[in-house]
Amino acid sequence: MKRPLGCLTGSGLLAGILTALVVTAAAIASSNRIFSPGPLRQTPGVRIGGIESHADLSADCAACHPPFWTGRRMGDLCLGCHQEVAAELEDPAQLHGGIAGPENCTICHLEHRGPTAALTDVGRFEFPHERFGFSLYAHQEELSHSPVGCRDCHTESLRSFQVRACAECHFTLDLAASGEHMLAFGPGCLECHDGQDSYGSDWDHNATAFPLLGAHNRIQCSRCHLGAHTLTALQSTPLRCVDCHRLDNPHSNLLGDDCGACHNPETWEDATLDHRLTGFALEESHAELECLDCHENRQWVGIPQACFGCHSDEDEHQGRFGQKCGFCHRPTSWSDWTFDHAVIGFTLEGSHAQVACEGCHTNRRWAGTPRDCFSCHADDDFHSGGFGTDCGACHRPTSWADWTFNHNRSSFPLTGAHASVACVSCHTGGGFRGTPSACAACHSEPAVHAGLFGTNCAACHSTSAWMPASYNGPHTFPMNHGGAGGNCRTCHPGSYGSYTCYACHDQGEITNKHSERFSDFSNCVACHASGQEGDGGED
């Protein structure tokens, strides 16, 4: 039978139990100081409950390290003393609010590192610095060959920041640039800078409402933002040209404040203007002039826009045509002109449109020229004034031979056969006025009438033709006597001045019947006035 090992013997087990009891008693007697990894910080701080430093708690480890069986955490004991920190945990705007709690106090706050060691070391904690208005984005790189630490900026306390720390660091990096920047924008770095380089090397002015173009891109920021010590002041910088360049204005404010209407950002001298914006577009020869040709002595406003305002000395018409030169002349040159004659109420038509202006306007007399035909064409009137002076009543402006006359406008309308008769058939000898309008004046009475019917030809005849004729005047017999049916030749076979009844009535019979009483049988109407049998007193 093997003997048990020495540690498992009765004496060994007893020795182990005694040792554990001794250690436990020693730990209790020393308040667990036998487990301390090092001395506590002795530098005095804010007095809390009579305690000025953690070193004052060296005799009572349980003040910070609760027994495991209590369920309490070390952070609970921390906050029990540091009640100002416990209050911050409820406010996200405070240093510890939203990022700290009883479970993570020891991440940043360390002890047992010696009597003078710092209690705070945030190097192991990614502190959300941007929550407090300043990101560490632009300070992540090493400056002066050493990493940027909390104490580089928070020189006095992590709870406070002195803006002079910016200057002390950046003056070391670039004295000239930093000094110039501070002189221009003041020492309040945090008024504009947020650690993101929003207004630093990554700043793009062209992304704003005022892109830097031309000469603007070559000047220092302070030229426009001088005295802007805050972000609000920077953003309030005026954007109009005149706000910065009012003293550079050679126009004495006569052209208003819209400098960009003529000037560009490259240089003041390289100016241009869309002259149409002034209501006077530069066309043809006007566009070839230098500005000072019209704007003498750099007078930019009040320049007349009417032609006559600038060209009165060049008016060869001496004012006889008024001052509206544009009625005839174009802006190419004085010789390039045309005139719409219709605007004066005398449209040039036919041959008039082909006549040179001087053909009517002799001696260059433009105003007062007569408009009626006869005033110009009296010498061309072969009618010798017989038709008056209204040439346009017959003639057209193409040529004298191109004429027509509406006879219906006269007292003798042309109807029937008259409409197809040549004018000279009636107007003999070249005369048109005084031509008689009575039929008999042109149509001598035929011998057949023997003057019995007078000169009123129209009583029987129409303008269609002489024959057939129809008489509608007074008549002894009814026009349809004896069934004549209105045919005059039935009773008047030889002449309308004589008649015969024997064309219808047998003369022998009439003679036998009246032989006892009459001897002359040539004038029947002497007895038969109405043409009725028995109206001569017969039985």
Protein backbone atom coordinates (compact mmCIF):
# COMPACT_ATOMS: atom_id res chain seq x y z
CA MET A 1 0.00 0.00 0.00
CA LYS A 2 1.33 3.43 -1.12
CA ARG A 3 1.52 6.24 1.31
CA PRO A 4 -0.27 9.56 0.39
CA LEU A 5 1.72 12.54 -0.83
CA GLY A 6 2.96 14.98 1.80
CA CYS A 7 0.46 17.75 0.97
CA LEU A 8 -2.42 15.40 1.25
CA THR A 9 -1.46 14.02 4.61
CA GLY A 10 -3.27 15.09 7.64
CA SER A 11 -0.46 17.32 8.70
CA GLY A 12 -0.20 18.83 5.22
CA LEU A 13 -3.86 19.65 5.04
CA LEU A 14 -3.75 21.19 8.46
CA ALA A 15 -0.78 23.33 7.52
CA GLY A 16 -2.62 24.61 4.43
CA ILE A 17 -5.69 25.54 6.40
CA LEU A 18 -3.61 27.35 8.99
CA THR A 19 -1.77 29.24 6.25
CA ALA A 20 -5.05 30.38 4.66
CA LEU A 21 -6.31 31.52 8.01
CA VAL A 22 -3.15 33.48 8.67
CA VAL A 23 -3.31 35.20 5.25
CA THR A 24 -6.97 36.03 5.73
CA ALA A 25 -6.31 37.42 9.17
CA ALA A 26 -3.44 39.45 7.82
CA ALA A 27 -5.60 40.82 4.99
CA ILE A 28 -8.33 41.75 7.40
CA ALA A 29 -5.87 43.26 9.81
CA SER A 30 -4.23 45.31 7.00
CA SER A 31 -7.51 46.17 5.17
CA ASN A 32 -6.32 44.24 2.13
CA ARG A 33 -3.18 46.36 1.86
CA ILE A 34 -1.21 43.25 1.29
CA PHE A 35 -2.83 43.08 -2.20
CA SER A 36 -2.11 46.77 -3.19
CA PRO A 37 -0.20 47.05 -6.52
CA GLY A 38 1.37 50.34 -5.45
CA PRO A 39 0.94 53.51 -3.39
CA LEU A 40 -1.97 55.86 -4.01
CA ARG A 41 -1.75 59.48 -5.22
CA GLN A 42 -0.91 61.88 -2.38
CA THR A 43 -1.31 65.23 -4.21
CA PRO A 44 -4.17 67.11 -2.52
CA GLY A 45 -7.27 67.87 -4.50
CA VAL A 46 -10.79 69.00 -3.70
CA ARG A 47 -11.68 68.00 -0.15
CA ILE A 48 -14.56 65.53 -0.08
CA GLY A 49 -15.80 64.37 3.30
CA GLY A 50 -12.51 65.30 4.91
CA ILE A 51 -10.49 63.44 2.31
CA GLU A 52 -8.02 65.50 0.23
CA SER A 53 -6.35 62.68 -1.68
CA HIS A 54 -6.77 58.97 -2.36
CA ALA A 55 -3.71 58.36 -0.20
CA ASP A 56 -5.89 59.23 2.78
CA LEU A 57 -7.82 56.00 2.03
CA SER A 58 -4.76 53.74 2.09
CA ALA A 59 -5.84 52.22 5.40
CA ASP A 60 -9.29 51.31 4.07
CA CYS A 61 -9.20 49.49 0.74
CA ALA A 62 -12.90 48.73 1.07
CA ALA A 63 -13.62 52.44 0.63
CA CYS A 64 -12.97 51.89 -3.08
CA HIS A 65 -12.96 48.08 -3.42
CA PRO A 66 -16.26 46.62 -2.14
CA PRO A 67 -16.33 42.90 -1.18
CA PHE A 68 -17.53 40.73 -4.02
CA TRP A 69 -20.41 39.36 -2.06
CA THR A 70 -22.03 42.81 -1.76
CA GLY A 71 -22.83 43.04 -5.51
CA ARG A 72 -21.61 46.62 -5.63
CA ARG A 73 -19.13 47.86 -8.23
CA MET A 74 -16.08 49.98 -7.67
CA GLY A 75 -17.63 52.72 -9.85
CA ASP A 76 -20.59 52.89 -7.45
CA LEU A 77 -18.18 53.81 -4.66
CA CYS A 78 -16.43 56.35 -6.91
CA LEU A 79 -19.72 58.14 -7.65
CA GLY A 80 -20.68 57.94 -3.99
CA CYS A 81 -17.84 60.32 -3.25
CA HIS A 82 -17.66 62.25 -6.52
CA GLN A 83 -21.29 63.30 -6.55
CA GLU A 84 -20.60 66.21 -8.97
CA VAL A 85 -19.62 63.59 -11.54
CA ALA A 86 -22.76 61.57 -10.78
CA ALA A 87 -24.78 64.70 -11.54
CA GLU A 88 -22.99 65.14 -14.88
CA LEU A 89 -24.04 61.68 -15.97
CA GLU A 90 -27.62 62.91 -16.28
CA ASP A 91 -26.69 65.81 -18.60
CA PRO A 92 -25.36 64.95 -22.10
CA ALA A 93 -23.90 68.44 -22.39
CA GLN A 94 -21.57 67.82 -19.47
CA LEU A 95 -18.16 66.20 -19.64
CA HIS A 96 -19.23 62.76 -18.41
CA GLY A 97 -22.80 62.85 -19.61
CA GLY A 98 -23.66 60.06 -22.02
CA ILE A 99 -20.16 58.56 -22.12
CA ALA A 100 -19.38 57.46 -18.55
CA GLY A 101 -20.97 55.32 -15.84
CA PRO A 102 -20.12 53.18 -12.84
CA GLU A 103 -18.95 50.44 -15.15
CA ASN A 104 -16.14 52.37 -16.88
CA CYS A 105 -14.59 54.82 -14.44
CA THR A 106 -11.31 52.92 -14.40
CA ILE A 107 -10.83 53.21 -18.14
CA CYS A 108 -9.71 56.83 -17.80
CA HIS A 109 -9.00 57.14 -14.04
CA LEU A 110 -6.17 54.96 -12.70
CA GLU A 111 -4.61 54.63 -9.25
CA HIS A 112 -1.79 52.84 -7.43
CA ARG A 113 0.76 54.36 -9.82
CA GLY A 114 2.64 56.38 -7.25
CA PRO A 115 2.06 59.36 -4.96
CA THR A 116 2.47 61.96 -7.75
CA ALA A 117 1.01 60.09 -10.74
CA ALA A 118 -1.94 61.61 -12.61
CA LEU A 119 -5.32 60.11 -11.87
CA THR A 120 -6.65 60.69 -15.40
CA ASP A 121 -5.33 59.03 -18.55
CA VAL A 122 -7.77 59.09 -21.48
CA GLY A 123 -5.28 57.60 -23.88
CA ARG A 124 -7.04 54.27 -23.68
CA PHE A 125 -10.47 55.81 -24.34
CA GLU A 126 -11.79 57.14 -27.65
CA PHE A 127 -13.30 60.30 -26.27
CA PRO A 128 -16.10 61.72 -28.51
CA HIS A 129 -14.52 65.13 -28.69
CA GLU A 130 -16.83 66.39 -31.48
CA ARG A 131 -19.72 66.30 -29.02
CA PHE A 132 -18.25 69.42 -27.48
CA GLY A 133 -18.00 71.42 -30.72
CA PHE A 134 -14.44 70.60 -31.68
CA SER A 135 -13.50 67.49 -33.59
CA LEU A 136 -10.03 65.98 -33.35
CA TYR A 137 -10.12 65.14 -37.06
CA ALA A 138 -7.51 67.73 -38.00
CA HIS A 139 -5.31 66.97 -34.95
CA GLN A 140 -4.84 63.26 -35.43
CA GLU A 141 -1.53 63.60 -37.22
CA GLU A 142 1.72 64.16 -35.42
CA LEU A 143 2.86 67.74 -35.07
CA SER A 144 6.57 68.49 -34.50
CA HIS A 145 7.25 64.76 -34.66
CA SER A 146 5.20 63.99 -31.57
CA PRO A 147 1.58 62.79 -31.27
CA VAL A 148 -1.02 65.27 -30.13
CA GLY A 149 -2.16 64.47 -26.62
CA CYS A 150 -4.88 65.84 -24.40
CA ARG A 151 -2.42 67.89 -22.37
CA ASP A 152 -1.13 69.59 -25.52
CA CYS A 153 -4.37 71.55 -25.68
CA HIS A 154 -5.77 71.17 -22.13
CA THR A 155 -2.64 72.42 -20.45
CA GLU A 156 -4.16 73.24 -17.08
CA SER A 157 -7.06 70.82 -16.77
CA LEU A 158 -8.97 68.41 -18.94
CA ARG A 159 -12.08 70.22 -17.82
CA SER A 160 -10.91 73.56 -19.17
CA PHE A 161 -9.38 74.91 -22.36
CA GLN A 162 -7.45 78.12 -22.87
CA VAL A 163 -7.48 79.34 -26.46
CA ARG A 164 -3.90 80.54 -26.09
CA ALA A 165 -2.94 76.90 -26.41
CA CYS A 166 -3.83 77.10 -30.13
CA ALA A 167 -1.53 80.05 -30.63
CA GLU A 168 1.33 78.51 -28.65
CA CYS A 169 1.23 75.38 -30.77
CA HIS A 170 0.61 76.93 -34.18
CA PHE A 171 3.11 79.72 -33.67
CA THR A 172 5.69 77.01 -33.16
CA LEU A 173 4.64 75.31 -36.41
CA ASP A 174 4.44 78.42 -38.63
CA LEU A 175 5.05 81.73 -36.93
CA ALA A 176 4.51 83.98 -39.95
CA ALA A 177 1.27 82.43 -41.17
CA SER A 178 -0.19 82.08 -37.70
CA GLY A 179 0.70 85.64 -36.77
CA GLU A 180 -0.84 87.02 -39.95
CA HIS A 181 -3.98 84.94 -39.43
CA MET A 182 -4.43 86.10 -35.86
CA LEU A 183 -3.89 89.74 -36.76
CA ALA A 184 -6.57 89.45 -39.45
CA PHE A 185 -9.16 87.40 -37.61
CA GLY A 186 -8.34 87.82 -33.91
CA PRO A 187 -7.32 85.32 -31.23
CA GLY A 188 -10.74 83.60 -30.90
CA CYS A 189 -9.81 80.46 -32.86
CA LEU A 190 -12.86 78.49 -31.78
CA GLU A 191 -15.19 81.19 -33.14
CA CYS A 192 -14.56 79.79 -36.61
CA HIS A 193 -12.57 76.56 -36.34
CA ASP A 194 -14.26 73.30 -35.43
CA GLY A 195 -11.37 70.85 -35.87
CA GLN A 196 -12.87 69.51 -39.11
CA ASP A 197 -10.97 71.99 -41.25
CA SER A 198 -14.35 73.36 -42.37
CA TYR A 199 -12.57 76.67 -42.80
CA GLY A 200 -9.06 75.34 -43.12
CA SER A 201 -7.09 73.63 -45.86
CA ASP A 202 -10.18 71.75 -47.07
CA TRP A 203 -12.24 74.92 -47.42
CA ASP A 204 -13.65 75.42 -50.93
CA HIS A 205 -14.89 78.96 -51.45
CA ASN A 206 -16.35 78.00 -54.82
CA ALA A 207 -18.96 75.89 -53.08
CA THR A 208 -20.49 79.06 -51.63
CA ALA A 209 -22.73 81.67 -53.23
CA PHE A 210 -19.59 83.69 -54.05
CA PRO A 211 -17.06 81.58 -56.01
CA LEU A 212 -13.59 83.09 -56.20
CA LEU A 213 -12.97 83.98 -59.84
CA GLY A 214 -10.26 85.98 -61.54
CA ALA A 215 -8.41 88.41 -59.29
CA HIS A 216 -10.56 87.39 -56.33
CA ASN A 217 -8.79 84.04 -56.29
CA ARG A 218 -5.40 85.71 -55.88
CA ILE A 219 -5.96 87.93 -52.87
CA GLN A 220 -5.69 87.26 -49.15
CA CYS A 221 -8.82 86.28 -47.24
CA SER A 222 -8.44 89.29 -44.99
CA ARG A 223 -8.89 91.67 -47.94
CA CYS A 224 -12.57 90.79 -47.96
CA HIS A 225 -13.03 89.44 -44.43
CA LEU A 226 -11.01 92.03 -42.52
CA GLY A 227 -12.24 92.32 -38.95
CA ALA A 228 -14.45 89.22 -39.21
CA HIS A 229 -13.67 87.63 -35.82
CA THR A 230 -16.61 85.23 -35.76
CA LEU A 231 -18.19 82.71 -38.09
CA THR A 232 -21.30 84.85 -38.27
CA ALA A 233 -19.20 87.84 -39.30
CA LEU A 234 -17.47 85.74 -41.98
CA GLN A 235 -20.77 84.60 -43.41
CA SER A 236 -22.14 88.15 -43.30
CA THR A 237 -19.46 89.52 -45.62
CA PRO A 238 -21.29 91.48 -48.38
CA LEU A 239 -21.36 89.85 -51.81
CA ARG A 240 -21.95 92.90 -54.03
CA CYS A 241 -19.03 94.41 -55.89
CA VAL A 242 -19.91 97.92 -54.84
CA ASP A 243 -19.70 97.06 -51.14
CA CYS A 244 -15.96 96.47 -51.46
CA HIS A 245 -15.13 98.65 -54.45
CA ARG A 246 -17.18 101.76 -53.83
CA LEU A 247 -14.00 103.82 -53.51
CA ASP A 248 -12.76 102.39 -56.83
CA ASN A 249 -15.83 103.63 -58.70
CA PRO A 250 -14.78 106.19 -61.33
CA HIS A 251 -18.38 106.75 -62.39
CA SER A 252 -19.27 108.81 -59.33
CA ASN A 253 -22.17 106.43 -58.69
CA LEU A 254 -23.89 107.59 -61.89
CA LEU A 255 -24.25 104.04 -63.24
CA GLY A 256 -25.79 102.46 -60.19
CA ASP A 257 -24.40 99.62 -58.08
CA ASP A 258 -24.45 96.67 -60.52
CA CYS A 259 -20.73 96.68 -61.36
CA GLY A 260 -21.00 93.17 -62.83
CA ALA A 261 -23.17 94.48 -65.66
CA CYS A 262 -19.95 95.75 -67.29
CA HIS A 263 -16.94 94.55 -65.29
CA ASN A 264 -15.62 91.04 -64.71
CA PRO A 265 -13.63 89.72 -61.72
CA GLU A 266 -10.34 89.60 -63.66
CA THR A 267 -9.70 93.33 -63.86
CA TRP A 268 -11.56 96.64 -63.74
CA GLU A 269 -10.13 97.76 -67.07
CA ASP A 270 -11.44 94.78 -69.03
CA ALA A 271 -15.03 96.04 -69.03
CA THR A 272 -17.79 95.24 -71.47
CA LEU A 273 -21.46 96.10 -71.65
CA ASP A 274 -24.43 94.55 -73.38
CA HIS A 275 -25.66 97.85 -74.72
CA ARG A 276 -29.10 96.37 -75.33
CA LEU A 277 -29.68 96.60 -71.58
CA THR A 278 -29.66 100.39 -71.91
CA GLY A 279 -32.45 100.35 -74.49
CA PHE A 280 -30.01 101.40 -77.24
CA ALA A 281 -28.60 98.39 -79.08
CA LEU A 282 -25.31 99.06 -80.87
CA GLU A 283 -25.77 98.12 -84.51
CA GLU A 284 -23.58 98.40 -87.61
CA SER A 285 -21.25 101.43 -87.43
CA HIS A 286 -22.31 102.21 -83.86
CA ALA A 287 -20.86 98.87 -82.75
CA GLU A 288 -17.46 99.80 -84.21
CA LEU A 289 -17.08 103.00 -82.19
CA GLU A 290 -15.06 103.36 -79.03
CA CYS A 291 -17.13 104.01 -75.94
CA LEU A 292 -15.59 107.46 -75.45
CA ASP A 293 -16.63 108.49 -78.97
CA CYS A 294 -20.16 108.85 -77.65
CA HIS A 295 -19.47 109.08 -73.93
CA GLU A 296 -17.19 112.09 -74.00
CA ASN A 297 -15.42 112.95 -70.77
CA ARG A 298 -16.58 109.54 -69.49
CA GLN A 299 -20.16 110.71 -69.23
CA TRP A 300 -22.06 107.43 -69.05
CA VAL A 301 -25.58 108.58 -68.30
CA GLY A 302 -27.72 111.24 -69.91
CA ILE A 303 -26.42 110.48 -73.42
CA PRO A 304 -29.20 111.18 -75.96
CA GLN A 305 -30.51 108.10 -77.76
CA ALA A 306 -32.15 109.93 -80.65
CA CYS A 307 -30.01 110.20 -83.81
CA PHE A 308 -30.42 113.96 -83.95
CA GLY A 309 -29.01 114.31 -80.45
CA CYS A 310 -25.56 113.28 -81.71
CA HIS A 311 -25.77 113.99 -85.45
CA SER A 312 -27.46 117.39 -85.66
CA ASP A 313 -24.30 118.89 -87.16
CA GLU A 314 -24.43 116.32 -89.98
CA ASP A 315 -28.01 117.07 -91.01
CA GLU A 316 -27.79 118.20 -94.61
CA HIS A 317 -31.55 118.66 -94.64
CA GLN A 318 -31.17 121.58 -92.23
CA GLY A 319 -34.02 120.38 -90.08
CA ARG A 320 -36.61 120.36 -92.90
CA PHE A 321 -37.32 116.68 -92.25
CA GLY A 322 -37.54 116.98 -88.51
CA GLN A 323 -35.35 114.99 -86.14
CA LYS A 324 -36.41 111.39 -86.75
CA CYS A 325 -33.43 110.39 -88.87
CA GLY A 326 -34.30 106.72 -88.52
CA PHE A 327 -37.26 107.14 -90.85
CA CYS A 328 -34.83 107.06 -93.76
CA HIS A 329 -31.29 106.33 -92.58
CA ARG A 330 -29.86 103.07 -91.25
CA PRO A 331 -27.01 102.84 -88.72
CA THR A 332 -24.55 101.44 -91.30
CA SER A 333 -23.82 104.84 -92.88
CA TRP A 334 -25.60 108.04 -93.88
CA SER A 335 -25.61 106.93 -97.52
CA ASP A 336 -27.40 103.71 -96.62
CA TRP A 337 -30.92 105.03 -96.49
CA THR A 338 -34.37 104.24 -97.67
CA PHE A 339 -37.75 105.80 -97.12
CA ASP A 340 -41.13 104.16 -96.79
CA HIS A 341 -43.16 106.67 -98.74
CA ALA A 342 -46.35 105.14 -97.41
CA VAL A 343 -45.78 106.72 -93.98
CA ILE A 344 -46.55 110.16 -95.43
CA GLY A 345 -49.75 109.00 -97.13
CA PHE A 346 -48.31 108.87 -100.68
CA THR A 347 -47.39 105.29 -101.56
CA LEU A 348 -45.02 104.97 -104.50
CA GLU A 349 -46.73 102.66 -106.99
CA GLY A 350 -46.11 101.73 -110.60
CA SER A 351 -43.72 104.05 -112.40
CA HIS A 352 -43.56 106.34 -109.38
CA ALA A 353 -41.58 103.67 -107.52
CA GLN A 354 -38.91 103.72 -110.26
CA VAL A 355 -38.38 107.46 -110.38
CA ALA A 356 -35.35 108.87 -108.60
CA CYS A 357 -36.19 110.97 -105.56
CA GLU A 358 -34.90 114.10 -107.28
CA GLY A 359 -37.35 113.47 -110.09
CA CYS A 360 -40.12 114.77 -107.83
CA HIS A 361 -38.13 116.52 -105.13
CA THR A 362 -36.29 119.02 -107.31
CA ASN A 363 -33.49 121.04 -105.75
CA ARG A 364 -33.61 118.50 -102.88
CA ARG A 365 -36.81 120.00 -101.65
CA TRP A 366 -38.28 117.22 -99.55
CA ALA A 367 -41.06 118.85 -97.62
CA GLY A 368 -44.07 120.53 -99.20
CA THR A 369 -43.92 118.55 -102.44
CA PRO A 370 -47.46 118.45 -103.93
CA ARG A 371 -49.19 115.09 -103.97
CA ASP A 372 -51.84 115.56 -106.67
CA CYS A 373 -51.08 114.35 -110.21
CA PHE A 374 -51.79 117.61 -112.02
CA SER A 375 -49.26 119.62 -110.00
CA CYS A 376 -46.46 117.50 -111.42
CA HIS A 377 -48.00 116.45 -114.77
CA ALA A 378 -49.73 119.60 -116.01
CA ASP A 379 -47.38 119.72 -118.98
CA ASP A 380 -48.34 116.13 -119.87
CA ASP A 381 -52.08 116.87 -120.04
CA PHE A 382 -53.06 116.49 -123.68
CA HIS A 383 -56.65 117.11 -122.64
CA SER A 384 -55.69 120.75 -122.14
CA GLY A 385 -57.57 120.82 -118.89
CA GLY A 386 -60.74 119.59 -120.51
CA PHE A 387 -61.13 116.88 -117.90
CA GLY A 388 -60.08 118.94 -114.93
CA THR A 389 -57.13 118.11 -112.67
CA ASP A 390 -58.22 114.76 -111.22
CA CYS A 391 -56.00 112.62 -113.45
CA GLY A 392 -56.49 109.64 -111.16
CA ALA A 393 -60.13 109.43 -112.19
CA CYS A 394 -58.95 107.70 -115.40
CA HIS A 395 -55.19 107.11 -115.29
CA ARG A 396 -53.19 104.65 -113.21
CA PRO A 397 -49.63 105.28 -111.96
CA THR A 398 -48.07 102.65 -114.24
CA SER A 399 -48.16 104.85 -117.37
CA TRP A 400 -50.35 107.45 -119.06
CA ALA A 401 -51.52 104.82 -121.55
CA ASP A 402 -52.72 102.61 -118.71
CA TRP A 403 -56.07 104.23 -118.10
CA THR A 404 -59.70 103.40 -117.74
CA PHE A 405 -62.83 105.38 -117.06
CA ASN A 406 -65.90 104.22 -115.25
CA HIS A 407 -68.62 105.89 -117.29
CA ASN A 408 -71.14 104.88 -114.71
CA ARG A 409 -69.65 107.53 -112.46
CA SER A 410 -70.69 110.18 -115.00
CA SER A 411 -74.13 111.46 -115.91
CA PHE A 412 -74.18 109.16 -118.95
CA PRO A 413 -73.77 105.48 -117.93
CA LEU A 414 -72.78 103.23 -120.81
CA THR A 415 -75.42 100.56 -121.34
CA GLY A 416 -76.24 98.19 -124.17
CA ALA A 417 -74.36 98.79 -127.39
CA HIS A 418 -72.82 101.97 -125.99
CA ALA A 419 -70.55 99.94 -123.72
CA SER A 420 -68.72 98.36 -126.67
CA VAL A 421 -68.25 101.51 -128.73
CA ALA A 422 -64.78 103.02 -128.87
CA CYS A 423 -64.43 106.25 -126.89
CA VAL A 424 -63.40 108.29 -129.93
CA SER A 425 -66.61 107.30 -131.73
CA CYS A 426 -68.44 109.65 -129.38
CA HIS A 427 -65.59 111.86 -128.18
CA THR A 428 -64.36 113.05 -131.55
CA GLY A 429 -61.51 115.49 -131.95
CA GLY A 430 -59.82 114.43 -128.72
CA GLY A 431 -62.32 116.23 -126.58
CA PHE A 432 -64.02 114.46 -123.72
CA ARG A 433 -65.77 117.19 -121.88
CA GLY A 434 -68.87 118.75 -123.42
CA THR A 435 -69.81 115.67 -125.40
CA PRO A 436 -73.65 115.81 -125.76
CA SER A 437 -75.57 113.07 -124.05
CA ALA A 438 -78.83 113.34 -126.08
CA CYS A 439 -79.39 110.51 -128.55
CA ALA A 440 -80.28 112.88 -131.39
CA ALA A 441 -76.96 114.68 -131.01
CA CYS A 442 -75.12 111.57 -132.15
CA HIS A 443 -77.88 109.72 -133.94
CA SER A 444 -79.47 112.05 -136.54
CA GLU A 445 -83.18 111.32 -136.86
CA PRO A 446 -83.87 108.93 -139.72
CA ALA A 447 -85.91 110.41 -142.55
CA VAL A 448 -88.57 107.86 -141.81
CA HIS A 449 -89.70 109.86 -138.80
CA ALA A 450 -89.95 113.09 -140.79
CA GLY A 451 -89.57 114.97 -137.55
CA LEU A 452 -92.86 113.71 -136.25
CA PHE A 453 -91.44 112.09 -133.12
CA GLY A 454 -89.18 114.85 -131.90
CA THR A 455 -85.71 114.19 -130.39
CA ASN A 456 -86.61 111.80 -127.62
CA CYS A 457 -85.33 108.68 -129.34
CA ALA A 458 -85.52 106.75 -126.07
CA ALA A 459 -89.30 106.91 -126.23
CA CYS A 460 -89.14 104.07 -128.76
CA HIS A 461 -85.54 102.92 -129.01
CA SER A 462 -83.25 101.26 -126.42
CA THR A 463 -79.45 101.29 -126.19
CA SER A 464 -79.32 97.63 -127.14
CA ALA A 465 -80.11 98.33 -130.84
CA TRP A 466 -82.15 100.69 -133.03
CA MET A 467 -84.39 97.90 -134.08
CA PRO A 468 -86.75 96.62 -133.04
CA ALA A 469 -88.24 99.78 -131.64
CA SER A 470 -91.22 100.06 -129.37
CA TYR A 471 -93.32 103.17 -129.03
CA ASN A 472 -94.87 103.94 -125.70
CA GLY A 473 -95.97 107.51 -126.37
CA PRO A 474 -99.45 109.02 -127.20
CA HIS A 475 -101.21 107.39 -130.19
CA THR A 476 -104.53 108.06 -131.92
CA PHE A 477 -105.38 104.42 -132.32
CA PRO A 478 -104.84 101.71 -129.82
CA MET A 479 -101.46 100.14 -130.42
CA ASN A 480 -103.11 96.76 -131.00
CA HIS A 481 -105.73 98.13 -133.48
CA GLY A 482 -106.92 95.61 -136.00
CA GLY A 483 -104.73 92.93 -134.53
CA ALA A 484 -101.51 94.80 -135.48
CA GLY A 485 -100.00 93.59 -132.23
CA GLY A 486 -97.88 96.72 -131.83
CA ASN A 487 -96.15 96.34 -135.19
CA CYS A 488 -95.86 99.92 -136.42
CA ARG A 489 -95.14 98.87 -140.05
CA THR A 490 -98.57 97.32 -140.35
CA CYS A 491 -100.13 100.80 -140.50
CA HIS A 492 -97.00 102.78 -141.39
CA PRO A 493 -95.45 100.65 -144.14
CA GLY A 494 -93.52 103.42 -145.84
CA SER A 495 -92.93 106.11 -143.27
CA TYR A 496 -93.86 106.79 -139.70
CA GLY A 497 -95.01 110.19 -140.94
CA SER A 498 -97.80 108.62 -142.99
CA TYR A 499 -100.17 105.79 -142.50
CA THR A 500 -102.59 103.67 -144.46
CA CYS A 501 -105.70 101.82 -143.41
CA TYR A 502 -105.84 99.84 -146.61
CA ALA A 503 -103.16 97.47 -145.53
CA CYS A 504 -106.01 95.79 -143.68
CA HIS A 505 -109.22 97.28 -145.12
CA ASP A 506 -110.20 96.76 -148.77
CA GLN A 507 -110.14 100.15 -150.42
CA GLY A 508 -112.68 99.24 -153.13
CA GLU A 509 -115.15 98.10 -150.56
CA ILE A 510 -114.63 101.24 -148.50
CA THR A 511 -115.02 103.41 -151.60
CA ASN A 512 -118.28 101.78 -152.69
CA LYS A 513 -119.66 102.07 -149.19
CA HIS A 514 -118.86 105.76 -148.74
CA SER A 515 -119.11 106.97 -152.36
CA GLU A 516 -122.44 108.65 -151.87
CA ARG A 517 -121.13 110.87 -149.09
CA PHE A 518 -117.27 111.21 -149.49
CA SER A 519 -114.96 111.75 -152.34
CA ASP A 520 -111.57 111.68 -150.42
CA PHE A 521 -110.73 108.33 -148.94
CA SER A 522 -107.09 109.07 -147.95
CA ASN A 523 -107.69 110.34 -144.37
CA CYS A 524 -109.76 107.75 -142.61
CA VAL A 525 -108.97 109.09 -139.15
CA ALA A 526 -110.75 112.27 -139.98
CA CYS A 527 -113.94 110.34 -139.36
CA HIS A 528 -112.67 107.34 -137.45
CA ALA A 529 -110.54 109.08 -134.79
CA SER A 530 -110.67 106.22 -132.32
CA GLY A 531 -110.31 103.53 -134.95
CA GLN A 532 -113.69 102.12 -134.05
CA GLU A 533 -116.30 101.43 -136.70
CA GLY A 534 -119.25 103.79 -136.28
CA ASP A 535 -117.29 106.57 -134.51
CA GLY A 536 -117.62 108.64 -137.75
CA GLY A 537 -121.37 109.19 -137.51
CA GLU A 538 -122.43 106.28 -139.65
CA ASP A 539 -125.76 104.71 -139.30
